[in-house]
Amino acid sequence: MTLRLVRLADCAAQPWRNGGGVTRELLRWPAPMPGAPPTAEDWLLRISVAEIARDGPFSAFPGVGRWFTVLHGAGVRLALPDGERLLGPASEPVNFAGAAAPMCTLLDGPTQDLNLMHRPGGRVAARAQMRRAAAGSVQRGRLPWRGLYAHAAARLRADEETHDLLPGTLAWSDDAQAERWELLEAEVACWMSLQP
């Protein structure tokens, strides 16, 4: 199994068009085919960490499913189509349609947040999932893509290999033969996957 690691510290900050924060993109998957020019729509899965500095609406992404969770800060209020949701660092991730572009109100100062966006279709027909990962939790099954974002230091066992993850690390694999990942130690982390 090939485990890939991406450090948040190595990702450049990209300011939002509306000036409300910055985003650091950890991953666009899959990578473009060799020789093909990259386009804004060439991904099925996009993972990023955002720093929200002020109130404002999310950008609209029609046809894209989104997962969102607060990593650091007091939290946010999201005005979703089915009602308002208050999200803090201990909240489970919330899932919503990218076209919704909900209004985001900070509860008490800036936040740092994890985002997963999924465009259905293409060569992988699957649904995306994100959930909080506690020490001792396990991700099982042969999946087309799986990942763990460790906001704080963590220790991950991927099949028979153990890896120490520095804070702000995305560990991921698209090796569908992998069967079991276990989080041995962690304070703040999230599982992510594509489920067939």
N, C-alpha and C. Protein backbone atom coordinates (compact mmCIF):
# COMPACT_ATOMS: atom_id res chain seq x y z
N MET A 1 0.83 -1.19 0.00
CA MET A 1 0.00 0.00 0.00
C MET A 1 0.88 1.25 0.00
N THR A 2 0.51 2.22 -0.82
CA THR A 2 1.24 3.48 -0.87
C THR A 2 0.48 4.54 -0.08
N LEU A 3 1.09 5.03 0.98
CA LEU A 3 0.50 6.09 1.78
C LEU A 3 1.15 7.41 1.38
N ARG A 4 0.32 8.39 1.05
CA ARG A 4 0.83 9.70 0.67
C ARG A 4 0.53 10.69 1.78
N LEU A 5 1.48 11.59 2.02
CA LEU A 5 1.34 12.59 3.09
C LEU A 5 1.44 13.98 2.48
N VAL A 6 0.54 14.87 2.91
CA VAL A 6 0.56 16.27 2.49
C VAL A 6 0.52 17.12 3.75
N ARG A 7 1.48 18.04 3.87
CA ARG A 7 1.54 18.93 5.02
C ARG A 7 0.87 20.27 4.72
N LEU A 8 0.03 20.71 5.63
CA LEU A 8 -0.63 22.00 5.47
C LEU A 8 0.40 23.12 5.34
N ALA A 9 1.50 23.02 6.09
CA ALA A 9 2.53 24.05 6.07
C ALA A 9 3.18 24.20 4.70
N ASP A 10 3.06 23.17 3.84
CA ASP A 10 3.66 23.22 2.51
C ASP A 10 2.69 23.74 1.45
N CYS A 11 1.46 24.06 1.84
CA CYS A 11 0.44 24.49 0.88
C CYS A 11 0.27 26.01 0.94
N ALA A 12 0.32 26.64 -0.21
CA ALA A 12 0.23 28.10 -0.28
C ALA A 12 -1.18 28.57 0.05
N ALA A 13 -1.27 29.69 0.75
CA ALA A 13 -2.57 30.30 1.08
C ALA A 13 -3.11 31.03 -0.14
N GLN A 14 -4.38 30.78 -0.45
CA GLN A 14 -5.06 31.43 -1.57
C GLN A 14 -6.18 32.29 -1.02
N PRO A 15 -6.14 33.61 -1.19
CA PRO A 15 -7.21 34.46 -0.65
C PRO A 15 -8.53 34.23 -1.36
N TRP A 16 -9.62 34.32 -0.60
CA TRP A 16 -10.95 34.20 -1.19
C TRP A 16 -11.25 35.42 -2.03
N ARG A 17 -12.11 35.23 -3.04
CA ARG A 17 -12.51 36.34 -3.89
C ARG A 17 -13.24 37.43 -3.09
N ASN A 18 -14.00 37.01 -2.05
CA ASN A 18 -14.77 38.00 -1.28
C ASN A 18 -13.97 38.59 -0.11
N GLY A 19 -12.69 38.19 0.03
CA GLY A 19 -11.86 38.75 1.07
C GLY A 19 -12.15 38.25 2.47
N GLY A 20 -13.00 37.23 2.60
CA GLY A 20 -13.41 36.77 3.93
C GLY A 20 -12.47 35.78 4.58
N GLY A 21 -11.43 35.35 3.87
CA GLY A 21 -10.51 34.38 4.46
C GLY A 21 -9.53 33.88 3.42
N VAL A 22 -8.82 32.82 3.78
CA VAL A 22 -7.88 32.18 2.86
C VAL A 22 -8.09 30.67 2.92
N THR A 23 -7.70 30.01 1.85
CA THR A 23 -7.79 28.55 1.75
C THR A 23 -6.43 27.98 1.39
N ARG A 24 -6.09 26.86 2.01
CA ARG A 24 -4.90 26.10 1.62
C ARG A 24 -5.39 24.75 1.09
N GLU A 25 -5.16 24.53 -0.19
CA GLU A 25 -5.63 23.29 -0.81
C GLU A 25 -4.62 22.18 -0.56
N LEU A 26 -5.09 21.11 0.06
CA LEU A 26 -4.25 19.95 0.35
C LEU A 26 -4.21 18.95 -0.81
N LEU A 27 -5.35 18.79 -1.49
CA LEU A 27 -5.41 17.74 -2.50
C LEU A 27 -6.53 18.01 -3.50
N ARG A 28 -6.21 17.76 -4.77
CA ARG A 28 -7.21 17.57 -5.83
C ARG A 28 -6.96 16.17 -6.36
N TRP A 29 -8.00 15.35 -6.37
CA TRP A 29 -7.84 13.96 -6.80
C TRP A 29 -8.95 13.59 -7.77
N PRO A 30 -8.67 12.83 -8.80
CA PRO A 30 -7.34 12.37 -9.21
C PRO A 30 -6.57 13.48 -9.90
N ALA A 31 -5.26 13.28 -10.03
CA ALA A 31 -4.43 14.23 -10.77
C ALA A 31 -4.80 14.15 -12.25
N PRO A 32 -4.62 15.24 -13.00
CA PRO A 32 -4.91 15.21 -14.44
C PRO A 32 -4.10 14.12 -15.15
N MET A 33 -4.64 13.62 -16.23
CA MET A 33 -3.91 12.63 -17.03
C MET A 33 -2.62 13.26 -17.57
N PRO A 34 -1.54 12.48 -17.68
CA PRO A 34 -0.28 13.04 -18.20
C PRO A 34 -0.48 13.70 -19.56
N GLY A 35 0.02 14.92 -19.69
CA GLY A 35 -0.09 15.65 -20.93
C GLY A 35 -1.36 16.45 -21.09
N ALA A 36 -2.34 16.19 -20.21
CA ALA A 36 -3.61 16.92 -20.33
C ALA A 36 -3.50 18.24 -19.57
N PRO A 37 -3.99 19.34 -20.16
CA PRO A 37 -3.95 20.61 -19.44
C PRO A 37 -4.91 20.59 -18.27
N PRO A 38 -4.51 21.06 -17.08
CA PRO A 38 -5.42 21.07 -15.94
C PRO A 38 -6.54 22.09 -16.14
N THR A 39 -7.71 21.75 -15.63
CA THR A 39 -8.84 22.67 -15.67
C THR A 39 -9.42 22.77 -14.26
N ALA A 40 -10.31 23.74 -14.06
CA ALA A 40 -10.91 23.93 -12.74
C ALA A 40 -11.84 22.78 -12.38
N GLU A 41 -12.25 21.97 -13.37
CA GLU A 41 -13.22 20.90 -13.12
C GLU A 41 -12.62 19.51 -13.28
N ASP A 42 -11.30 19.37 -13.19
CA ASP A 42 -10.69 18.07 -13.47
C ASP A 42 -10.56 17.19 -12.25
N TRP A 43 -11.24 17.52 -11.14
CA TRP A 43 -11.12 16.73 -9.92
C TRP A 43 -12.46 16.10 -9.56
N LEU A 44 -12.39 14.99 -8.84
CA LEU A 44 -13.57 14.37 -8.23
C LEU A 44 -13.64 14.67 -6.74
N LEU A 45 -12.46 14.91 -6.14
CA LEU A 45 -12.36 15.13 -4.71
C LEU A 45 -11.38 16.27 -4.47
N ARG A 46 -11.80 17.23 -3.63
CA ARG A 46 -10.92 18.35 -3.30
C ARG A 46 -10.97 18.55 -1.79
N ILE A 47 -9.79 18.62 -1.16
CA ILE A 47 -9.70 18.77 0.29
C ILE A 47 -8.88 20.01 0.59
N SER A 48 -9.38 20.83 1.50
CA SER A 48 -8.69 22.08 1.83
C SER A 48 -8.95 22.45 3.28
N VAL A 49 -8.08 23.33 3.79
CA VAL A 49 -8.27 23.93 5.12
C VAL A 49 -8.43 25.42 4.91
N ALA A 50 -9.50 25.96 5.46
CA ALA A 50 -9.82 27.38 5.30
C ALA A 50 -9.68 28.10 6.63
N GLU A 51 -9.27 29.34 6.54
CA GLU A 51 -9.26 30.24 7.69
C GLU A 51 -10.29 31.32 7.41
N ILE A 52 -11.37 31.30 8.19
CA ILE A 52 -12.46 32.26 7.99
C ILE A 52 -12.24 33.42 8.93
N ALA A 53 -12.09 34.62 8.36
CA ALA A 53 -11.76 35.81 9.15
C ALA A 53 -12.96 36.69 9.44
N ARG A 54 -14.02 36.57 8.62
CA ARG A 54 -15.19 37.42 8.85
C ARG A 54 -16.43 36.76 8.28
N ASP A 55 -17.59 37.27 8.69
CA ASP A 55 -18.87 36.73 8.23
C ASP A 55 -19.00 36.89 6.71
N GLY A 56 -19.71 35.96 6.08
CA GLY A 56 -19.97 36.06 4.65
C GLY A 56 -20.48 34.75 4.10
N PRO A 57 -20.99 34.77 2.88
CA PRO A 57 -21.51 33.53 2.27
C PRO A 57 -20.38 32.67 1.72
N PHE A 58 -20.60 31.36 1.73
CA PHE A 58 -19.70 30.45 1.05
C PHE A 58 -19.86 30.65 -0.46
N SER A 59 -18.83 30.30 -1.22
CA SER A 59 -18.94 30.30 -2.67
C SER A 59 -19.85 29.15 -3.11
N ALA A 60 -20.58 29.38 -4.20
CA ALA A 60 -21.46 28.34 -4.74
C ALA A 60 -20.68 27.38 -5.62
N PHE A 61 -20.94 26.08 -5.45
CA PHE A 61 -20.35 25.03 -6.28
C PHE A 61 -21.47 24.10 -6.75
N PRO A 62 -22.23 24.51 -7.77
CA PRO A 62 -23.32 23.65 -8.26
C PRO A 62 -22.81 22.28 -8.69
N GLY A 63 -23.56 21.24 -8.38
CA GLY A 63 -23.19 19.89 -8.75
C GLY A 63 -22.15 19.24 -7.88
N VAL A 64 -21.77 19.92 -6.79
CA VAL A 64 -20.72 19.42 -5.89
C VAL A 64 -21.32 19.20 -4.50
N GLY A 65 -20.99 18.08 -3.88
CA GLY A 65 -21.36 17.84 -2.49
C GLY A 65 -20.25 18.33 -1.58
N ARG A 66 -20.63 18.93 -0.43
CA ARG A 66 -19.62 19.48 0.46
C ARG A 66 -19.75 18.90 1.86
N TRP A 67 -18.60 18.69 2.50
CA TRP A 67 -18.51 18.38 3.93
C TRP A 67 -17.68 19.48 4.57
N PHE A 68 -18.07 19.86 5.78
CA PHE A 68 -17.42 21.00 6.46
C PHE A 68 -17.36 20.70 7.95
N THR A 69 -16.22 21.00 8.58
CA THR A 69 -16.12 20.88 10.03
C THR A 69 -15.13 21.91 10.57
N VAL A 70 -15.38 22.35 11.80
CA VAL A 70 -14.52 23.33 12.46
C VAL A 70 -13.38 22.60 13.16
N LEU A 71 -12.15 23.06 12.89
CA LEU A 71 -10.97 22.49 13.55
C LEU A 71 -10.54 23.31 14.75
N HIS A 72 -10.62 24.64 14.64
CA HIS A 72 -10.11 25.52 15.68
C HIS A 72 -10.92 26.81 15.69
N GLY A 73 -11.12 27.37 16.90
CA GLY A 73 -11.91 28.59 17.05
C GLY A 73 -13.23 28.29 17.73
N ALA A 74 -13.98 29.33 18.05
CA ALA A 74 -15.24 29.14 18.78
C ALA A 74 -16.30 28.46 17.93
N GLY A 75 -16.27 28.68 16.61
CA GLY A 75 -17.24 28.01 15.75
C GLY A 75 -17.96 28.97 14.83
N VAL A 76 -18.93 28.41 14.09
CA VAL A 76 -19.68 29.18 13.10
C VAL A 76 -21.16 28.82 13.17
N ARG A 77 -21.97 29.71 12.60
CA ARG A 77 -23.39 29.42 12.36
C ARG A 77 -23.58 29.38 10.85
N LEU A 78 -24.05 28.25 10.33
CA LEU A 78 -24.31 28.11 8.90
C LEU A 78 -25.80 28.16 8.66
N ALA A 79 -26.22 29.01 7.72
CA ALA A 79 -27.64 29.11 7.34
C ALA A 79 -27.87 28.16 6.17
N LEU A 80 -28.16 26.90 6.49
CA LEU A 80 -28.37 25.87 5.48
C LEU A 80 -29.84 25.83 5.06
N PRO A 81 -30.14 25.25 3.89
CA PRO A 81 -31.52 25.21 3.43
C PRO A 81 -32.49 24.55 4.41
N ASP A 82 -32.01 23.58 5.19
CA ASP A 82 -32.90 22.90 6.14
C ASP A 82 -32.84 23.50 7.54
N GLY A 83 -32.22 24.68 7.68
CA GLY A 83 -32.18 25.36 8.97
C GLY A 83 -30.76 25.72 9.38
N GLU A 84 -30.65 26.54 10.42
CA GLU A 84 -29.33 26.95 10.90
C GLU A 84 -28.66 25.83 11.67
N ARG A 85 -27.33 25.75 11.52
CA ARG A 85 -26.54 24.79 12.28
C ARG A 85 -25.40 25.52 12.97
N LEU A 86 -25.23 25.26 14.27
CA LEU A 86 -24.10 25.78 15.02
C LEU A 86 -23.03 24.70 15.06
N LEU A 87 -21.82 25.04 14.65
CA LEU A 87 -20.73 24.08 14.58
C LEU A 87 -19.53 24.60 15.33
N GLY A 88 -18.99 23.78 16.22
CA GLY A 88 -17.79 24.11 16.97
C GLY A 88 -16.74 23.03 16.77
N PRO A 89 -15.60 23.14 17.46
CA PRO A 89 -14.51 22.18 17.28
C PRO A 89 -14.87 20.74 17.67
N ALA A 90 -15.91 20.55 18.47
CA ALA A 90 -16.30 19.20 18.86
C ALA A 90 -17.45 18.65 18.02
N SER A 91 -17.98 19.44 17.09
CA SER A 91 -19.14 19.03 16.29
C SER A 91 -18.74 18.04 15.20
N GLU A 92 -19.68 17.15 14.88
CA GLU A 92 -19.48 16.27 13.73
C GLU A 92 -19.55 17.09 12.44
N PRO A 93 -18.85 16.68 11.40
CA PRO A 93 -18.93 17.39 10.12
C PRO A 93 -20.36 17.44 9.59
N VAL A 94 -20.67 18.50 8.86
CA VAL A 94 -21.98 18.67 8.25
C VAL A 94 -21.83 18.54 6.74
N ASN A 95 -22.85 17.95 6.10
CA ASN A 95 -22.86 17.71 4.67
C ASN A 95 -23.97 18.54 4.03
N PHE A 96 -23.66 19.20 2.91
CA PHE A 96 -24.69 20.00 2.23
C PHE A 96 -24.33 20.13 0.76
N ALA A 97 -25.29 20.54 -0.04
CA ALA A 97 -25.07 20.74 -1.47
C ALA A 97 -24.25 21.99 -1.70
N GLY A 98 -23.25 21.89 -2.58
CA GLY A 98 -22.40 23.03 -2.85
C GLY A 98 -23.13 24.21 -3.45
N ALA A 99 -24.25 23.96 -4.13
CA ALA A 99 -25.03 25.05 -4.71
C ALA A 99 -25.69 25.91 -3.64
N ALA A 100 -25.80 25.40 -2.42
CA ALA A 100 -26.50 26.14 -1.36
C ALA A 100 -25.80 27.44 -0.98
N ALA A 101 -24.47 27.46 -1.01
CA ALA A 101 -23.69 28.66 -0.67
C ALA A 101 -24.22 29.33 0.60
N PRO A 102 -24.21 28.63 1.74
CA PRO A 102 -24.82 29.18 2.95
C PRO A 102 -24.07 30.38 3.51
N MET A 103 -24.83 31.24 4.19
CA MET A 103 -24.22 32.34 4.93
C MET A 103 -23.51 31.76 6.14
N CYS A 104 -22.29 32.21 6.39
CA CYS A 104 -21.49 31.74 7.52
C CYS A 104 -21.24 32.91 8.47
N THR A 105 -21.65 32.75 9.71
CA THR A 105 -21.46 33.78 10.73
C THR A 105 -20.53 33.24 11.81
N LEU A 106 -19.45 33.95 12.09
CA LEU A 106 -18.52 33.54 13.13
C LEU A 106 -19.15 33.75 14.50
N LEU A 107 -18.95 32.80 15.41
CA LEU A 107 -19.53 32.90 16.74
C LEU A 107 -18.70 33.80 17.66
N ASP A 108 -17.38 33.72 17.56
CA ASP A 108 -16.52 34.55 18.42
C ASP A 108 -15.10 34.55 17.86
N GLY A 109 -14.93 35.23 16.75
CA GLY A 109 -13.60 35.33 16.16
C GLY A 109 -13.35 34.33 15.06
N PRO A 110 -12.17 34.41 14.42
CA PRO A 110 -11.83 33.56 13.28
C PRO A 110 -11.82 32.08 13.62
N THR A 111 -11.99 31.28 12.59
CA THR A 111 -11.94 29.82 12.73
C THR A 111 -11.04 29.22 11.67
N GLN A 112 -10.60 28.00 11.94
CA GLN A 112 -9.91 27.18 10.95
C GLN A 112 -10.77 25.95 10.71
N ASP A 113 -11.00 25.63 9.44
CA ASP A 113 -12.02 24.65 9.09
C ASP A 113 -11.52 23.70 8.01
N LEU A 114 -12.00 22.45 8.06
CA LEU A 114 -11.66 21.44 7.07
C LEU A 114 -12.83 21.29 6.10
N ASN A 115 -12.51 21.30 4.80
CA ASN A 115 -13.52 21.17 3.75
C ASN A 115 -13.20 19.99 2.85
N LEU A 116 -14.23 19.22 2.54
CA LEU A 116 -14.13 18.17 1.54
C LEU A 116 -15.22 18.44 0.51
N MET A 117 -14.83 18.53 -0.77
CA MET A 117 -15.80 18.69 -1.85
C MET A 117 -15.70 17.49 -2.78
N HIS A 118 -16.86 17.02 -3.24
CA HIS A 118 -16.92 15.81 -4.05
C HIS A 118 -17.82 16.05 -5.25
N ARG A 119 -17.27 15.77 -6.43
CA ARG A 119 -18.05 15.87 -7.67
C ARG A 119 -18.37 14.45 -8.11
N PRO A 120 -19.64 14.01 -8.01
CA PRO A 120 -19.98 12.64 -8.40
C PRO A 120 -19.75 12.42 -9.89
N GLY A 121 -19.53 11.17 -10.24
CA GLY A 121 -19.37 10.82 -11.65
C GLY A 121 -17.93 10.50 -11.98
N GLY A 122 -17.62 10.52 -13.26
CA GLY A 122 -16.26 10.19 -13.68
C GLY A 122 -16.00 8.71 -13.53
N ARG A 123 -14.73 8.38 -13.35
CA ARG A 123 -14.34 6.96 -13.31
C ARG A 123 -14.59 6.32 -11.96
N VAL A 124 -14.96 7.10 -10.95
CA VAL A 124 -15.25 6.54 -9.63
C VAL A 124 -16.66 6.95 -9.24
N ALA A 125 -17.60 6.02 -9.31
CA ALA A 125 -18.97 6.29 -8.89
C ALA A 125 -19.05 5.96 -7.40
N ALA A 126 -19.00 6.97 -6.58
CA ALA A 126 -18.95 6.76 -5.13
C ALA A 126 -19.50 7.98 -4.42
N ARG A 127 -19.80 7.81 -3.14
CA ARG A 127 -20.25 8.94 -2.33
C ARG A 127 -19.17 9.26 -1.30
N ALA A 128 -19.04 10.54 -0.99
CA ALA A 128 -18.01 10.97 -0.05
C ALA A 128 -18.56 10.95 1.37
N GLN A 129 -17.66 10.73 2.32
CA GLN A 129 -18.00 10.78 3.74
C GLN A 129 -16.88 11.46 4.52
N MET A 130 -17.27 12.14 5.60
CA MET A 130 -16.30 12.69 6.55
C MET A 130 -16.87 12.50 7.94
N ARG A 131 -16.02 12.11 8.89
CA ARG A 131 -16.45 11.97 10.29
C ARG A 131 -15.27 12.20 11.21
N ARG A 132 -15.58 12.59 12.43
CA ARG A 132 -14.52 12.78 13.42
C ARG A 132 -13.84 11.44 13.70
N ALA A 133 -12.54 11.51 13.96
CA ALA A 133 -11.75 10.31 14.22
C ALA A 133 -11.16 10.41 15.62
N ALA A 134 -11.52 9.48 16.48
CA ALA A 134 -10.98 9.43 17.84
C ALA A 134 -9.95 8.30 17.92
N ALA A 135 -9.06 8.40 18.90
CA ALA A 135 -8.09 7.33 19.11
C ALA A 135 -8.82 6.01 19.30
N GLY A 136 -8.37 4.99 18.59
CA GLY A 136 -9.01 3.68 18.64
C GLY A 136 -10.03 3.45 17.54
N SER A 137 -10.40 4.51 16.80
CA SER A 137 -11.38 4.33 15.73
C SER A 137 -10.71 3.71 14.51
N VAL A 138 -11.54 3.03 13.70
CA VAL A 138 -11.04 2.23 12.58
C VAL A 138 -11.81 2.59 11.32
N GLN A 139 -11.12 2.55 10.20
CA GLN A 139 -11.74 2.69 8.88
C GLN A 139 -11.46 1.39 8.14
N ARG A 140 -12.54 0.65 7.82
CA ARG A 140 -12.40 -0.68 7.22
C ARG A 140 -12.92 -0.70 5.79
N GLY A 141 -12.52 -1.71 5.06
CA GLY A 141 -13.07 -1.97 3.74
C GLY A 141 -12.14 -1.52 2.63
N ARG A 142 -12.33 -2.11 1.48
CA ARG A 142 -11.56 -1.74 0.29
C ARG A 142 -12.26 -0.56 -0.37
N LEU A 143 -11.64 0.60 -0.31
CA LEU A 143 -12.24 1.85 -0.75
C LEU A 143 -11.45 2.44 -1.91
N PRO A 144 -12.12 3.12 -2.85
CA PRO A 144 -11.39 3.73 -3.97
C PRO A 144 -10.48 4.87 -3.53
N TRP A 145 -10.82 5.51 -2.40
CA TRP A 145 -9.98 6.58 -1.84
C TRP A 145 -10.29 6.68 -0.35
N ARG A 146 -9.25 6.89 0.45
CA ARG A 146 -9.45 7.10 1.89
C ARG A 146 -8.40 8.08 2.39
N GLY A 147 -8.74 8.77 3.49
CA GLY A 147 -7.78 9.71 4.05
C GLY A 147 -8.05 9.98 5.51
N LEU A 148 -7.03 10.55 6.16
CA LEU A 148 -7.14 11.02 7.53
C LEU A 148 -6.46 12.38 7.60
N TYR A 149 -7.19 13.38 8.11
CA TYR A 149 -6.55 14.67 8.35
C TYR A 149 -6.29 14.78 9.84
N ALA A 150 -5.02 14.96 10.21
CA ALA A 150 -4.62 15.10 11.61
C ALA A 150 -4.33 16.57 11.88
N HIS A 151 -5.23 17.23 12.59
CA HIS A 151 -5.02 18.64 12.94
C HIS A 151 -3.95 18.75 14.02
N ALA A 152 -3.93 17.79 14.93
CA ALA A 152 -2.88 17.68 15.95
C ALA A 152 -2.08 16.41 15.64
N ALA A 153 -0.96 16.25 16.34
CA ALA A 153 -0.12 15.07 16.11
C ALA A 153 -0.94 13.79 16.29
N ALA A 154 -0.65 12.79 15.47
CA ALA A 154 -1.41 11.54 15.51
C ALA A 154 -0.52 10.38 15.12
N ARG A 155 -0.99 9.19 15.44
CA ARG A 155 -0.31 7.95 15.02
C ARG A 155 -1.33 7.08 14.32
N LEU A 156 -1.00 6.70 13.08
CA LEU A 156 -1.91 5.95 12.23
C LEU A 156 -1.29 4.61 11.86
N ARG A 157 -2.08 3.54 11.98
CA ARG A 157 -1.67 2.24 11.46
C ARG A 157 -2.46 1.98 10.19
N ALA A 158 -1.76 1.91 9.06
CA ALA A 158 -2.38 1.65 7.77
C ALA A 158 -1.99 0.25 7.35
N ASP A 159 -2.95 -0.67 7.39
CA ASP A 159 -2.68 -2.09 7.26
C ASP A 159 -1.62 -2.48 8.30
N GLU A 160 -0.43 -2.86 7.91
CA GLU A 160 0.56 -3.29 8.90
C GLU A 160 1.62 -2.24 9.20
N GLU A 161 1.51 -1.06 8.60
CA GLU A 161 2.51 -0.02 8.79
C GLU A 161 2.01 1.05 9.76
N THR A 162 2.90 1.52 10.64
CA THR A 162 2.54 2.58 11.58
C THR A 162 3.27 3.86 11.19
N HIS A 163 2.52 4.97 11.21
CA HIS A 163 3.06 6.26 10.78
C HIS A 163 2.76 7.30 11.85
N ASP A 164 3.77 8.08 12.22
CA ASP A 164 3.59 9.23 13.10
C ASP A 164 3.33 10.45 12.23
N LEU A 165 2.19 11.10 12.45
CA LEU A 165 1.78 12.24 11.64
C LEU A 165 1.99 13.53 12.41
N LEU A 166 2.64 14.49 11.79
CA LEU A 166 2.82 15.80 12.39
C LEU A 166 1.50 16.57 12.33
N PRO A 167 1.33 17.57 13.19
CA PRO A 167 0.11 18.39 13.12
C PRO A 167 -0.06 18.99 11.73
N GLY A 168 -1.31 19.03 11.27
CA GLY A 168 -1.59 19.59 9.96
C GLY A 168 -1.16 18.69 8.81
N THR A 169 -1.43 17.37 8.94
CA THR A 169 -1.04 16.41 7.90
C THR A 169 -2.25 15.68 7.36
N LEU A 170 -2.36 15.61 6.03
CA LEU A 170 -3.33 14.75 5.37
C LEU A 170 -2.60 13.49 4.92
N ALA A 171 -3.04 12.33 5.43
CA ALA A 171 -2.55 11.02 4.97
C ALA A 171 -3.64 10.44 4.08
N TRP A 172 -3.26 9.97 2.87
CA TRP A 172 -4.29 9.44 1.98
C TRP A 172 -3.74 8.34 1.09
N SER A 173 -4.67 7.56 0.53
CA SER A 173 -4.29 6.48 -0.38
C SER A 173 -5.46 6.20 -1.32
N ASP A 174 -5.13 5.90 -2.57
CA ASP A 174 -6.16 5.43 -3.50
C ASP A 174 -5.88 3.98 -3.90
N ASP A 175 -5.20 3.27 -3.02
CA ASP A 175 -4.95 1.83 -3.19
C ASP A 175 -6.16 1.08 -2.67
N ALA A 176 -6.98 0.58 -3.57
CA ALA A 176 -8.22 -0.08 -3.16
C ALA A 176 -7.98 -1.42 -2.48
N GLN A 177 -6.74 -1.91 -2.46
CA GLN A 177 -6.45 -3.18 -1.79
C GLN A 177 -6.27 -3.00 -0.29
N ALA A 178 -6.06 -1.75 0.15
CA ALA A 178 -5.93 -1.52 1.60
C ALA A 178 -7.24 -1.89 2.28
N GLU A 179 -7.17 -2.45 3.47
CA GLU A 179 -8.38 -2.94 4.12
C GLU A 179 -8.66 -2.32 5.48
N ARG A 180 -7.64 -1.87 6.21
CA ARG A 180 -7.89 -1.44 7.58
C ARG A 180 -6.92 -0.35 7.99
N TRP A 181 -7.46 0.80 8.35
CA TRP A 181 -6.68 1.86 8.96
C TRP A 181 -7.19 2.04 10.39
N GLU A 182 -6.26 2.21 11.33
CA GLU A 182 -6.65 2.43 12.73
C GLU A 182 -5.90 3.64 13.26
N LEU A 183 -6.63 4.52 13.92
CA LEU A 183 -6.02 5.69 14.54
C LEU A 183 -5.60 5.30 15.95
N LEU A 184 -4.30 5.23 16.19
CA LEU A 184 -3.80 4.76 17.48
C LEU A 184 -3.76 5.88 18.51
N GLU A 185 -3.36 7.08 18.07
CA GLU A 185 -3.30 8.24 18.97
C GLU A 185 -3.72 9.47 18.19
N ALA A 186 -4.53 10.33 18.83
CA ALA A 186 -4.93 11.58 18.17
C ALA A 186 -5.73 12.43 19.14
N GLU A 187 -5.70 13.74 18.91
CA GLU A 187 -6.56 14.67 19.64
C GLU A 187 -7.64 15.23 18.73
N VAL A 188 -7.26 15.79 17.58
CA VAL A 188 -8.23 16.32 16.63
C VAL A 188 -7.89 15.75 15.26
N ALA A 189 -8.79 14.93 14.71
CA ALA A 189 -8.56 14.31 13.41
C ALA A 189 -9.90 13.97 12.77
N CYS A 190 -9.89 13.78 11.45
CA CYS A 190 -11.10 13.43 10.70
C CYS A 190 -10.79 12.35 9.69
N TRP A 191 -11.67 11.33 9.66
CA TRP A 191 -11.64 10.34 8.59
C TRP A 191 -12.36 10.91 7.38
N MET A 192 -11.88 10.56 6.19
CA MET A 192 -12.55 10.90 4.94
C MET A 192 -12.45 9.71 4.01
N SER A 193 -13.47 9.54 3.18
CA SER A 193 -13.42 8.40 2.26
C SER A 193 -14.41 8.59 1.13
N LEU A 194 -14.17 7.82 0.05
CA LEU A 194 -15.16 7.60 -0.98
C LEU A 194 -15.69 6.20 -0.78
N GLN A 195 -17.02 6.08 -0.66
CA GLN A 195 -17.65 4.80 -0.41
C GLN A 195 -18.30 4.31 -1.70
N PRO A 196 -17.98 3.08 -2.16
CA PRO A 196 -18.58 2.58 -3.40
C PRO A 196 -20.07 2.34 -3.24
